[in-house]
Amino acid sequence: MLVFAFEMPPGATRGPVVVVLILEVENLLRMKCNDPFDLLVKQFAAAGIPLDRRLRDVDLVIAYEEDTAEIIGFRDRQDIAGLMRWLERGRKIRPGDLAKPERLKKQSTN
C-alpha cells in the first residue's frame, strides 16, 4: 500500500489536503481473506503527510494500481493534476457514486 498527500492550492475543488491511498495486489488478496488493513492517520505525520487539519478538510482518494513507478513519478514531480488524471483515467460514474453519505439505519430485531 502506498499513501501520500498533497496540499492543494487555494480555490481548488478538492482538499485543501488530498490523501492518495494506492492499494496493491497484496492488499486486495489479504482483504479477500478477511484480513483488513488499517489506515492509522495519526502515524502520517512521521511520514511528512500534512494532516494537521480537521477531517472535513481532507479528501481521500483510494485507487488500485499496479504501475507504482508511474505514480511515484507524479508524486516526486509534485504533479498533482497529472496524478489525478492518471488515477481517474478509467473512472465511470455509476448511479449512487456521487450521492451524499447516508446514516446507517438500525435493522429491526423483530
PDB file of N, CA and C in Angstrom:
ATOM      1  N   MET A   1       0.845  -1.164   0.000  1.00  0.00           N
ATOM      2  CA  MET A   1       0.000   0.000   0.000  1.00  0.00           C
ATOM      3  C   MET A   1       0.894   1.232   0.000  1.00  0.00           C
ATOM      4  N   LEU A   2       0.549   2.192  -0.813  1.00  0.00           N
ATOM      5  CA  LEU A   2       1.256   3.473  -0.843  1.00  0.00           C
ATOM      6  C   LEU A   2       0.307   4.548  -0.353  1.00  0.00           C
ATOM      7  N   VAL A   3       0.794   5.424   0.491  1.00  0.00           N
ATOM      8  CA  VAL A   3      -0.015   6.534   0.977  1.00  0.00           C
ATOM      9  C   VAL A   3       0.833   7.791   0.916  1.00  0.00           C
ATOM     10  N   PHE A   4       0.294   8.830   0.303  1.00  0.00           N
ATOM     11  CA  PHE A   4       0.947  10.126   0.331  1.00  0.00           C
ATOM     12  C   PHE A   4      -0.111  11.201   0.182  1.00  0.00           C
ATOM     13  N   ALA A   5       0.258  12.446   0.426  1.00  0.00           N
ATOM     14  CA  ALA A   5      -0.716  13.531   0.422  1.00  0.00           C
ATOM     15  C   ALA A   5      -0.156  14.757  -0.277  1.00  0.00           C
ATOM     16  N   PHE A   6      -1.069  15.579  -0.737  1.00  0.00           N
ATOM     17  CA  PHE A   6      -0.746  16.860  -1.350  1.00  0.00           C
ATOM     18  C   PHE A   6      -1.570  17.937  -0.676  1.00  0.00           C
ATOM     19  N   GLU A   7      -0.993  19.117  -0.517  1.00  0.00           N
ATOM     20  CA  GLU A   7      -1.778  20.287  -0.147  1.00  0.00           C
ATOM     21  C   GLU A   7      -2.166  20.960  -1.446  1.00  0.00           C
ATOM     22  N   MET A   8      -3.449  21.232  -1.598  1.00  0.00           N
ATOM     23  CA  MET A   8      -3.956  21.826  -2.830  1.00  0.00           C
ATOM     24  C   MET A   8      -3.868  23.349  -2.760  1.00  0.00           C
ATOM     25  N   PRO A   9      -3.757  23.991  -3.917  1.00  0.00           N
ATOM     26  CA  PRO A   9      -3.700  25.454  -3.927  1.00  0.00           C
ATOM     27  C   PRO A   9      -5.052  26.054  -3.545  1.00  0.00           C
ATOM     28  N   PRO A  10      -5.063  27.271  -3.039  1.00  0.00           N
ATOM     29  CA  PRO A  10      -6.327  27.925  -2.693  1.00  0.00           C
ATOM     30  C   PRO A  10      -7.275  27.946  -3.887  1.00  0.00           C
ATOM     31  N   GLY A  11      -8.547  27.695  -3.632  1.00  0.00           N
ATOM     32  CA  GLY A  11      -9.549  27.708  -4.689  1.00  0.00           C
ATOM     33  C   GLY A  11      -9.710  26.387  -5.420  1.00  0.00           C
ATOM     34  N   ALA A  12      -8.909  25.382  -5.071  1.00  0.00           N
ATOM     35  CA  ALA A  12      -9.017  24.078  -5.730  1.00  0.00           C
ATOM     36  C   ALA A  12     -10.342  23.420  -5.361  1.00  0.00           C
ATOM     37  N   THR A  13     -10.844  22.567  -6.236  1.00  0.00           N
ATOM     38  CA  THR A  13     -12.116  21.897  -5.978  1.00  0.00           C
ATOM     39  C   THR A  13     -11.973  20.761  -4.981  1.00  0.00           C
ATOM     40  N   ARG A  14     -10.781  20.306  -4.737  1.00  0.00           N
ATOM     41  CA  ARG A  14     -10.518  19.254  -3.749  1.00  0.00           C
ATOM     42  C   ARG A  14      -9.727  19.836  -2.602  1.00  0.00           C
ATOM     43  N   GLY A  15      -9.737  19.097  -1.504  1.00  0.00           N
ATOM     44  CA  GLY A  15      -8.847  19.440  -0.418  1.00  0.00           C
ATOM     45  C   GLY A  15      -9.415  20.396   0.581  1.00  0.00           C
ATOM     46  N   PRO A  16      -8.537  21.110   1.243  1.00  0.00           N
ATOM     47  CA  PRO A  16      -7.203  21.543   0.879  1.00  0.00           C
ATOM     48  C   PRO A  16      -6.108  20.477   0.973  1.00  0.00           C
ATOM     49  N   VAL A  17      -6.386  19.329   1.575  1.00  0.00           N
ATOM     50  CA  VAL A  17      -5.412  18.241   1.578  1.00  0.00           C
ATOM     51  C   VAL A  17      -6.042  17.047   0.875  1.00  0.00           C
ATOM     52  N   VAL A  18      -5.306  16.443  -0.039  1.00  0.00           N
ATOM     53  CA  VAL A  18      -5.756  15.228  -0.708  1.00  0.00           C
ATOM     54  C   VAL A  18      -4.807  14.109  -0.297  1.00  0.00           C
ATOM     55  N   VAL A  19      -5.367  13.069   0.303  1.00  0.00           N
ATOM     56  CA  VAL A  19      -4.601  11.886   0.669  1.00  0.00           C
ATOM     57  C   VAL A  19      -4.880  10.831  -0.386  1.00  0.00           C
ATOM     58  N   VAL A  20      -3.826  10.290  -0.968  1.00  0.00           N
ATOM     59  CA  VAL A  20      -3.938   9.268  -2.002  1.00  0.00           C
ATOM     60  C   VAL A  20      -3.515   7.938  -1.398  1.00  0.00           C
ATOM     61  N   LEU A  21      -4.399   6.968  -1.462  1.00  0.00           N
ATOM     62  CA  LEU A  21      -4.142   5.622  -0.961  1.00  0.00           C
ATOM     63  C   LEU A  21      -4.191   4.680  -2.155  1.00  0.00           C
ATOM     64  N   ILE A  22      -3.062   4.064  -2.462  1.00  0.00           N
ATOM     65  CA  ILE A  22      -2.969   3.148  -3.592  1.00  0.00           C
ATOM     66  C   ILE A  22      -2.907   1.727  -3.049  1.00  0.00           C
ATOM     67  N   LEU A  23      -3.901   0.935  -3.378  1.00  0.00           N
ATOM     68  CA  LEU A  23      -3.915  -0.465  -2.966  1.00  0.00           C
ATOM     69  C   LEU A  23      -3.126  -1.277  -3.976  1.00  0.00           C
ATOM     70  N   GLU A  24      -2.354  -2.204  -3.475  1.00  0.00           N
ATOM     71  CA  GLU A  24      -1.568  -3.088  -4.326  1.00  0.00           C
ATOM     72  C   GLU A  24      -2.183  -4.484  -4.301  1.00  0.00           C
ATOM     73  N   VAL A  25      -1.741  -5.335  -5.188  1.00  0.00           N
ATOM     74  CA  VAL A  25      -2.285  -6.683  -5.309  1.00  0.00           C
ATOM     75  C   VAL A  25      -2.315  -7.388  -3.960  1.00  0.00           C
ATOM     76  N   GLU A  26      -1.237  -7.290  -3.208  1.00  0.00           N
ATOM     77  CA  GLU A  26      -1.148  -7.964  -1.922  1.00  0.00           C
ATOM     78  C   GLU A  26      -2.233  -7.488  -0.957  1.00  0.00           C
ATOM     79  N   ASN A  27      -2.542  -6.181  -0.991  1.00  0.00           N
ATOM     80  CA  ASN A  27      -3.584  -5.643  -0.121  1.00  0.00           C
ATOM     81  C   ASN A  27      -4.936  -6.261  -0.459  1.00  0.00           C
ATOM     82  N   LEU A  28      -5.230  -6.356  -1.739  1.00  0.00           N
ATOM     83  CA  LEU A  28      -6.516  -6.926  -2.164  1.00  0.00           C
ATOM     84  C   LEU A  28      -6.608  -8.405  -1.817  1.00  0.00           C
ATOM     85  N   LEU A  29      -5.517  -9.130  -1.987  1.00  0.00           N
ATOM     86  CA  LEU A  29      -5.521 -10.555  -1.642  1.00  0.00           C
ATOM     87  C   LEU A  29      -5.774 -10.750  -0.148  1.00  0.00           C
ATOM     88  N   ARG A  30      -5.149  -9.931   0.668  1.00  0.00           N
ATOM     89  CA  ARG A  30      -5.374 -10.024   2.118  1.00  0.00           C
ATOM     90  C   ARG A  30      -6.826  -9.737   2.466  1.00  0.00           C
ATOM     91  N   MET A  31      -7.386  -8.686   1.849  1.00  0.00           N
ATOM     92  CA  MET A  31      -8.766  -8.331   2.164  1.00  0.00           C
ATOM     93  C   MET A  31      -9.738  -9.424   1.738  1.00  0.00           C
ATOM     94  N   LYS A  32      -9.437 -10.105   0.647  1.00  0.00           N
ATOM     95  CA  LYS A  32     -10.287 -11.218   0.212  1.00  0.00           C
ATOM     96  C   LYS A  32     -10.282 -12.345   1.234  1.00  0.00           C
ATOM     97  N   CYS A  33      -9.246 -12.415   2.056  1.00  0.00           N
ATOM     98  CA  CYS A  33      -9.132 -13.440   3.101  1.00  0.00           C
ATOM     99  C   CYS A  33      -9.576 -12.890   4.458  1.00  0.00           C
ATOM    100  N   ASN A  34     -10.386 -11.837   4.443  1.00  0.00           N
ATOM    101  CA  ASN A  34     -10.902 -11.211   5.671  1.00  0.00           C
ATOM    102  C   ASN A  34      -9.796 -10.651   6.550  1.00  0.00           C
ATOM    103  N   ASP A  35      -8.710 -10.212   5.951  1.00  0.00           N
ATOM    104  CA  ASP A  35      -7.581  -9.621   6.660  1.00  0.00           C
ATOM    105  C   ASP A  35      -7.489  -8.148   6.254  1.00  0.00           C
ATOM    106  N   PRO A  36      -8.200  -7.264   6.972  1.00  0.00           N
ATOM    107  CA  PRO A  36      -8.220  -5.861   6.560  1.00  0.00           C
ATOM    108  C   PRO A  36      -6.902  -5.154   6.851  1.00  0.00           C
ATOM    109  N   PHE A  37      -6.699  -4.043   6.193  1.00  0.00           N
ATOM    110  CA  PHE A  37      -5.555  -3.196   6.522  1.00  0.00           C
ATOM    111  C   PHE A  37      -6.081  -1.982   7.266  1.00  0.00           C
ATOM    112  N   ASP A  38      -5.221  -1.364   8.038  1.00  0.00           N
ATOM    113  CA  ASP A  38      -5.591  -0.196   8.829  1.00  0.00           C
ATOM    114  C   ASP A  38      -4.956   1.045   8.246  1.00  0.00           C
ATOM    115  N   LEU A  39      -5.705   2.107   8.247  1.00  0.00           N
ATOM    116  CA  LEU A  39      -5.203   3.405   7.847  1.00  0.00           C
ATOM    117  C   LEU A  39      -5.071   4.222   9.126  1.00  0.00           C
ATOM    118  N   LEU A  40      -3.880   4.209   9.727  1.00  0.00           N
ATOM    119  CA  LEU A  40      -3.641   4.862  11.010  1.00  0.00           C
ATOM    120  C   LEU A  40      -3.180   6.300  10.758  1.00  0.00           C
ATOM    121  N   VAL A  41      -4.149   7.186  10.676  1.00  0.00           N
ATOM    122  CA  VAL A  41      -3.894   8.564  10.280  1.00  0.00           C
ATOM    123  C   VAL A  41      -2.913   9.259  11.219  1.00  0.00           C
ATOM    124  N   LYS A  42      -2.962   8.960  12.509  1.00  0.00           N
ATOM    125  CA  LYS A  42      -2.072   9.648  13.452  1.00  0.00           C
ATOM    126  C   LYS A  42      -0.601   9.363  13.165  1.00  0.00           C
ATOM    127  N   GLN A  43      -0.316   8.293  12.428  1.00  0.00           N
ATOM    128  CA  GLN A  43       1.070   7.968  12.096  1.00  0.00           C
ATOM    129  C   GLN A  43       1.557   8.682  10.831  1.00  0.00           C
ATOM    130  N   PHE A  44       0.672   9.388  10.143  1.00  0.00           N
ATOM    131  CA  PHE A  44       1.042  10.057   8.898  1.00  0.00           C
ATOM    132  C   PHE A  44       2.059  11.168   9.110  1.00  0.00           C
ATOM    133  N   ALA A  45       2.000  11.838  10.239  1.00  0.00           N
ATOM    134  CA  ALA A  45       2.901  12.962  10.484  1.00  0.00           C
ATOM    135  C   ALA A  45       4.361  12.534  10.383  1.00  0.00           C
ATOM    136  N   ALA A  46       4.675  11.353  10.865  1.00  0.00           N
ATOM    137  CA  ALA A  46       6.055  10.860  10.804  1.00  0.00           C
ATOM    138  C   ALA A  46       6.526  10.681   9.365  1.00  0.00           C
ATOM    139  N   ALA A  47       5.590  10.486   8.440  1.00  0.00           N
ATOM    140  CA  ALA A  47       5.933  10.321   7.029  1.00  0.00           C
ATOM    141  C   ALA A  47       5.888  11.653   6.280  1.00  0.00           C
ATOM    142  N   GLY A  48       5.646  12.742   6.994  1.00  0.00           N
ATOM    143  CA  GLY A  48       5.628  14.058   6.358  1.00  0.00           C
ATOM    144  C   GLY A  48       4.318  14.379   5.668  1.00  0.00           C
ATOM    145  N   ILE A  49       3.263  13.654   5.982  1.00  0.00           N
ATOM    146  CA  ILE A  49       1.965  13.908   5.359  1.00  0.00           C
ATOM    147  C   ILE A  49       1.240  14.977   6.174  1.00  0.00           C
ATOM    148  N   PRO A  50       0.833  16.073   5.534  1.00  0.00           N
ATOM    149  CA  PRO A  50       0.281  17.223   6.258  1.00  0.00           C
ATOM    150  C   PRO A  50      -1.172  17.007   6.683  1.00  0.00           C
ATOM    151  N   LEU A  51      -1.374  16.320   7.791  1.00  0.00           N
ATOM    152  CA  LEU A  51      -2.739  16.068   8.239  1.00  0.00           C
ATOM    153  C   LEU A  51      -3.044  16.755   9.565  1.00  0.00           C
ATOM    154  N   ASP A  52      -2.574  17.976   9.720  1.00  0.00           N
ATOM    155  CA  ASP A  52      -2.879  18.718  10.937  1.00  0.00           C
ATOM    156  C   ASP A  52      -4.154  19.538  10.734  1.00  0.00           C
ATOM    157  N   ARG A  53      -5.111  18.974  10.032  1.00  0.00           N
ATOM    158  CA  ARG A  53      -6.375  19.638   9.717  1.00  0.00           C
ATOM    159  C   ARG A  53      -7.534  18.797  10.216  1.00  0.00           C
ATOM    160  N   ARG A  54      -8.705  19.384  10.190  1.00  0.00           N
ATOM    161  CA  ARG A  54      -9.913  18.646  10.529  1.00  0.00           C
ATOM    162  C   ARG A  54     -10.212  17.669   9.403  1.00  0.00           C
ATOM    163  N   LEU A  55     -10.884  16.615   9.719  1.00  0.00           N
ATOM    164  CA  LEU A  55     -11.202  15.584   8.738  1.00  0.00           C
ATOM    165  C   LEU A  55     -11.990  16.143   7.554  1.00  0.00           C
ATOM    166  N   ARG A  56     -12.835  17.126   7.791  1.00  0.00           N
ATOM    167  CA  ARG A  56     -13.633  17.680   6.691  1.00  0.00           C
ATOM    168  C   ARG A  56     -12.770  18.388   5.638  1.00  0.00           C
ATOM    169  N   ASP A  57     -11.531  18.719   5.981  1.00  0.00           N
ATOM    170  CA  ASP A  57     -10.626  19.391   5.055  1.00  0.00           C
ATOM    171  C   ASP A  57      -9.787  18.411   4.248  1.00  0.00           C
ATOM    172  N   VAL A  58     -10.009  17.117   4.433  1.00  0.00           N
ATOM    173  CA  VAL A  58      -9.196  16.099   3.777  1.00  0.00           C
ATOM    174  C   VAL A  58     -10.053  15.300   2.805  1.00  0.00           C
ATOM    175  N   ASP A  59      -9.605  15.195   1.570  1.00  0.00           N
ATOM    176  CA  ASP A  59     -10.236  14.314   0.586  1.00  0.00           C
ATOM    177  C   ASP A  59      -9.378  13.062   0.505  1.00  0.00           C
ATOM    178  N   LEU A  60     -10.015  11.923   0.509  1.00  0.00           N
ATOM    179  CA  LEU A  60      -9.311  10.648   0.418  1.00  0.00           C
ATOM    180  C   LEU A  60      -9.602  10.035  -0.937  1.00  0.00           C
ATOM    181  N   VAL A  61      -8.550   9.779  -1.694  1.00  0.00           N
ATOM    182  CA  VAL A  61      -8.667   9.128  -2.995  1.00  0.00           C
ATOM    183  C   VAL A  61      -8.098   7.722  -2.842  1.00  0.00           C
ATOM    184  N   ILE A  62      -8.916   6.716  -3.109  1.00  0.00           N
ATOM    185  CA  ILE A  62      -8.476   5.329  -2.994  1.00  0.00           C
ATOM    186  C   ILE A  62      -8.463   4.740  -4.393  1.00  0.00           C
ATOM    187  N   ALA A  63      -7.343   4.186  -4.776  1.00  0.00           N
ATOM    188  CA  ALA A  63      -7.214   3.626  -6.117  1.00  0.00           C
ATOM    189  C   ALA A  63      -6.452   2.318  -6.050  1.00  0.00           C
ATOM    190  N   TYR A  64      -6.634   1.510  -7.068  1.00  0.00           N
ATOM    191  CA  TYR A  64      -5.859   0.285  -7.222  1.00  0.00           C
ATOM    192  C   TYR A  64      -5.014   0.466  -8.465  1.00  0.00           C
ATOM    193  N   GLU A  65      -3.755   0.226  -8.333  1.00  0.00           N
ATOM    194  CA  GLU A  65      -2.873   0.462  -9.474  1.00  0.00           C
ATOM    195  C   GLU A  65      -1.654  -0.433  -9.366  1.00  0.00           C
ATOM    196  N   GLU A  66      -1.336  -1.103 -10.452  1.00  0.00           N
ATOM    197  CA  GLU A  66      -0.144  -1.944 -10.474  1.00  0.00           C
ATOM    198  C   GLU A  66       1.105  -1.201 -10.916  1.00  0.00           C
ATOM    199  N   ASP A  67       0.927  -0.044 -11.532  1.00  0.00           N
ATOM    200  CA  ASP A  67       2.069   0.698 -12.052  1.00  0.00           C
ATOM    201  C   ASP A  67       2.572   1.705 -11.021  1.00  0.00           C
ATOM    202  N   THR A  68       3.172   1.195  -9.973  1.00  0.00           N
ATOM    203  CA  THR A  68       3.643   2.008  -8.862  1.00  0.00           C
ATOM    204  C   THR A  68       4.668   3.050  -9.317  1.00  0.00           C
ATOM    205  N   ALA A  69       5.550   2.681 -10.207  1.00  0.00           N
ATOM    206  CA  ALA A  69       6.604   3.596 -10.649  1.00  0.00           C
ATOM    207  C   ALA A  69       6.006   4.861 -11.267  1.00  0.00           C
ATOM    208  N   GLU A  70       4.953   4.714 -12.048  1.00  0.00           N
ATOM    209  CA  GLU A  70       4.305   5.869 -12.673  1.00  0.00           C
ATOM    210  C   GLU A  70       3.737   6.806 -11.601  1.00  0.00           C
ATOM    211  N   ILE A  71       3.104   6.253 -10.621  1.00  0.00           N
ATOM    212  CA  ILE A  71       2.500   7.049  -9.554  1.00  0.00           C
ATOM    213  C   ILE A  71       3.567   7.762  -8.736  1.00  0.00           C
ATOM    214  N   ILE A  72       4.619   7.073  -8.408  1.00  0.00           N
ATOM    215  CA  ILE A  72       5.708   7.690  -7.644  1.00  0.00           C
ATOM    216  C   ILE A  72       6.338   8.827  -8.452  1.00  0.00           C
ATOM    217  N   GLY A  73       6.412   8.669  -9.761  1.00  0.00           N
ATOM    218  CA  GLY A  73       6.920   9.739 -10.618  1.00  0.00           C
ATOM    219  C   GLY A  73       6.080  11.000 -10.500  1.00  0.00           C
ATOM    220  N   PHE A  74       4.753  10.846 -10.532  1.00  0.00           N
ATOM    221  CA  PHE A  74       3.875  12.005 -10.355  1.00  0.00           C
ATOM    222  C   PHE A  74       4.121  12.656  -8.992  1.00  0.00           C
ATOM    223  N   ARG A  75       4.217  11.817  -7.962  1.00  0.00           N
ATOM    224  CA  ARG A  75       4.438  12.341  -6.613  1.00  0.00           C
ATOM    225  C   ARG A  75       5.754  13.102  -6.542  1.00  0.00           C
ATOM    226  N   ASP A  76       6.817  12.513  -7.067  1.00  0.00           N
ATOM    227  CA  ASP A  76       8.135  13.142  -6.998  1.00  0.00           C
ATOM    228  C   ASP A  76       8.184  14.453  -7.771  1.00  0.00           C
ATOM    229  N   ARG A  77       7.437  14.538  -8.860  1.00  0.00           N
ATOM    230  CA  ARG A  77       7.383  15.781  -9.647  1.00  0.00           C
ATOM    231  C   ARG A  77       6.394  16.784  -9.067  1.00  0.00           C
ATOM    232  N   GLN A  78       5.676  16.364  -8.006  1.00  0.00           N
ATOM    233  CA  GLN A  78       4.606  17.191  -7.423  1.00  0.00           C
ATOM    234  C   GLN A  78       3.574  17.566  -8.488  1.00  0.00           C
ATOM    235  N   ASP A  79       3.315  16.650  -9.407  1.00  0.00           N
ATOM    236  CA  ASP A  79       2.355  16.859 -10.497  1.00  0.00           C
ATOM    237  C   ASP A  79       0.986  16.349 -10.043  1.00  0.00           C
ATOM    238  N   ILE A  80       0.297  17.166  -9.263  1.00  0.00           N
ATOM    239  CA  ILE A  80      -0.981  16.778  -8.694  1.00  0.00           C
ATOM    240  C   ILE A  80      -2.013  16.558  -9.796  1.00  0.00           C
ATOM    241  N   ALA A  81      -2.098  17.505 -10.724  1.00  0.00           N
ATOM    242  CA  ALA A  81      -3.094  17.397 -11.799  1.00  0.00           C
ATOM    243  C   ALA A  81      -2.844  16.148 -12.636  1.00  0.00           C
ATOM    244  N   GLY A  82      -1.593  15.884 -12.956  1.00  0.00           N
ATOM    245  CA  GLY A  82      -1.267  14.694 -13.741  1.00  0.00           C
ATOM    246  C   GLY A  82      -1.608  13.413 -12.994  1.00  0.00           C
ATOM    247  N   LEU A  83      -1.314  13.384 -11.710  1.00  0.00           N
ATOM    248  CA  LEU A  83      -1.633  12.211 -10.898  1.00  0.00           C
ATOM    249  C   LEU A  83      -3.132  11.949 -10.889  1.00  0.00           C
ATOM    250  N   MET A  84      -3.920  12.994 -10.662  1.00  0.00           N
ATOM    251  CA  MET A  84      -5.367  12.810 -10.596  1.00  0.00           C
ATOM    252  C   MET A  84      -5.919  12.355 -11.948  1.00  0.00           C
ATOM    253  N   ARG A  85      -5.417  12.914 -13.036  1.00  0.00           N
ATOM    254  CA  ARG A  85      -5.856  12.449 -14.371  1.00  0.00           C
ATOM    255  C   ARG A  85      -5.493  10.984 -14.560  1.00  0.00           C
ATOM    256  N   TRP A  86      -4.282  10.602 -14.135  1.00  0.00           N
ATOM    257  CA  TRP A  86      -3.822   9.214 -14.276  1.00  0.00           C
ATOM    258  C   TRP A  86      -4.725   8.262 -13.490  1.00  0.00           C
ATOM    259  N   LEU A  87      -4.981   8.610 -12.224  1.00  0.00           N
ATOM    260  CA  LEU A  87      -5.774   7.738 -11.375  1.00  0.00           C
ATOM    261  C   LEU A  87      -7.234   7.650 -11.825  1.00  0.00           C
ATOM    262  N   GLU A  88      -7.720   8.708 -12.444  1.00  0.00           N
ATOM    263  CA  GLU A  88      -9.125   8.740 -12.841  1.00  0.00           C
ATOM    264  C   GLU A  88      -9.336   8.427 -14.324  1.00  0.00           C
ATOM    265  N   ARG A  89      -8.321   7.938 -14.992  1.00  0.00           N
ATOM    266  CA  ARG A  89      -8.423   7.726 -16.444  1.00  0.00           C
ATOM    267  C   ARG A  89      -9.485   6.703 -16.822  1.00  0.00           C
ATOM    268  N   GLY A  90      -9.859   5.833 -15.921  1.00  0.00           N
ATOM    269  CA  GLY A  90     -10.890   4.842 -16.224  1.00  0.00           C
ATOM    270  C   GLY A  90     -12.182   5.068 -15.457  1.00  0.00           C
ATOM    271  N   ARG A  91     -12.311   6.234 -14.818  1.00  0.00           N
ATOM    272  CA  ARG A  91     -13.492   6.497 -13.984  1.00  0.00           C
ATOM    273  C   ARG A  91     -14.766   6.454 -14.807  1.00  0.00           C
ATOM    274  N   LYS A  92     -15.748   5.755 -14.257  1.00  0.00           N
ATOM    275  CA  LYS A  92     -17.092   5.725 -14.809  1.00  0.00           C
ATOM    276  C   LYS A  92     -18.029   6.080 -13.657  1.00  0.00           C
ATOM    277  N   ILE A  93     -18.834   7.086 -13.856  1.00  0.00           N
ATOM    278  CA  ILE A  93     -19.784   7.484 -12.822  1.00  0.00           C
ATOM    279  C   ILE A  93     -21.006   6.573 -12.943  1.00  0.00           C
ATOM    280  N   ARG A  94     -21.279   5.848 -11.867  1.00  0.00           N
ATOM    281  CA  ARG A  94     -22.419   4.929 -11.823  1.00  0.00           C
ATOM    282  C   ARG A  94     -23.477   5.498 -10.876  1.00  0.00           C
ATOM    283  N   PRO A  95     -24.724   5.054 -11.013  1.00  0.00           N
ATOM    284  CA  PRO A  95     -25.760   5.551 -10.102  1.00  0.00           C
ATOM    285  C   PRO A  95     -25.343   5.368  -8.640  1.00  0.00           C
ATOM    286  N   GLY A  96     -25.476   6.407  -7.872  1.00  0.00           N
ATOM    287  CA  GLY A  96     -25.125   6.361  -6.457  1.00  0.00           C
ATOM    288  C   GLY A  96     -23.708   6.801  -6.152  1.00  0.00           C
ATOM    289  N   ASP A  97     -22.841   6.879  -7.154  1.00  0.00           N
ATOM    290  CA  ASP A  97     -21.443   7.247  -6.909  1.00  0.00           C
ATOM    291  C   ASP A  97     -21.290   8.639  -6.301  1.00  0.00           C
ATOM    292  N   LEU A  98     -22.121   9.561  -6.718  1.00  0.00           N
ATOM    293  CA  LEU A  98     -21.983  10.941  -6.263  1.00  0.00           C
ATOM    294  C   LEU A  98     -23.022  11.307  -5.210  1.00  0.00           C
ATOM    295  N   ALA A  99     -23.726  10.307  -4.702  1.00  0.00           N
ATOM    296  CA  ALA A  99     -24.744  10.557  -3.685  1.00  0.00           C
ATOM    297  C   ALA A  99     -24.091  10.948  -2.369  1.00  0.00           C
ATOM    298  N   LYS A 100     -24.801  11.753  -1.605  1.00  0.00           N
ATOM    299  CA  LYS A 100     -24.303  12.135  -0.284  1.00  0.00           C
ATOM    300  C   LYS A 100     -24.345  10.917   0.631  1.00  0.00           C
ATOM    301  N   PRO A 101     -23.412  10.839   1.562  1.00  0.00           N
ATOM    302  CA  PRO A 101     -23.425   9.710   2.503  1.00  0.00           C
ATOM    303  C   PRO A 101     -24.712   9.707   3.313  1.00  0.00           C
ATOM    304  N   GLU A 102     -25.176   8.528   3.644  1.00  0.00           N
ATOM    305  CA  GLU A 102     -26.367   8.391   4.462  1.00  0.00           C
ATOM    306  C   GLU A 102     -26.003   7.704   5.770  1.00  0.00           C
ATOM    307  N   ARG A 103     -26.719   8.077   6.798  1.00  0.00           N
ATOM    308  CA  ARG A 103     -26.524   7.433   8.094  1.00  0.00           C
ATOM    309  C   ARG A 103     -27.004   5.989   7.997  1.00  0.00           C
ATOM    310  N   LEU A 104     -26.234   5.076   8.527  1.00  0.00           N
ATOM    311  CA  LEU A 104     -26.591   3.670   8.524  1.00  0.00           C
ATOM    312  C   LEU A 104     -27.786   3.466   9.446  1.00  0.00           C
ATOM    313  N   LYS A 105     -28.839   2.885   8.912  1.00  0.00           N
ATOM    314  CA  LYS A 105     -30.070   2.694   9.689  1.00  0.00           C
ATOM    315  C   LYS A 105     -29.971   1.400  10.477  1.00  0.00           C
ATOM    316  N   LYS A 106     -30.497   1.439  11.694  1.00  0.00           N
ATOM    317  CA  LYS A 106     -30.525   0.239  12.511  1.00  0.00           C
ATOM    318  C   LYS A 106     -31.544  -0.734  11.944  1.00  0.00           C
ATOM    319  N   GLN A 107     -31.189  -1.988  11.921  1.00  0.00           N
ATOM    320  CA  GLN A 107     -32.119  -3.003  11.460  1.00  0.00           C
ATOM    321  C   GLN A 107     -33.007  -3.410  12.618  1.00  0.00           C
ATOM    322  N   SER A 108     -34.275  -3.664  12.316  1.00  0.00           N
ATOM    323  CA  SER A 108     -35.179  -4.088  13.379  1.00  0.00           C
ATOM    324  C   SER A 108     -34.833  -5.502  13.814  1.00  0.00           C
ATOM    325  N   THR A 109     -35.087  -5.800  15.056  1.00  0.00           N
ATOM    326  CA  THR A 109     -34.756  -7.114  15.610  1.00  0.00           C
ATOM    327  C   THR A 109     -36.003  -7.986  15.752  1.00  0.00           C
ATOM    328  N   ASN A 110     -37.028  -7.715  14.948  1.00  0.00           N
ATOM    329  CA  ASN A 110     -38.285  -8.494  15.021  1.00  0.00           C
ATOM    330  C   ASN A 110     -38.100  -9.876  14.536  1.00  0.00           C
TER     331      ASN A 110
END
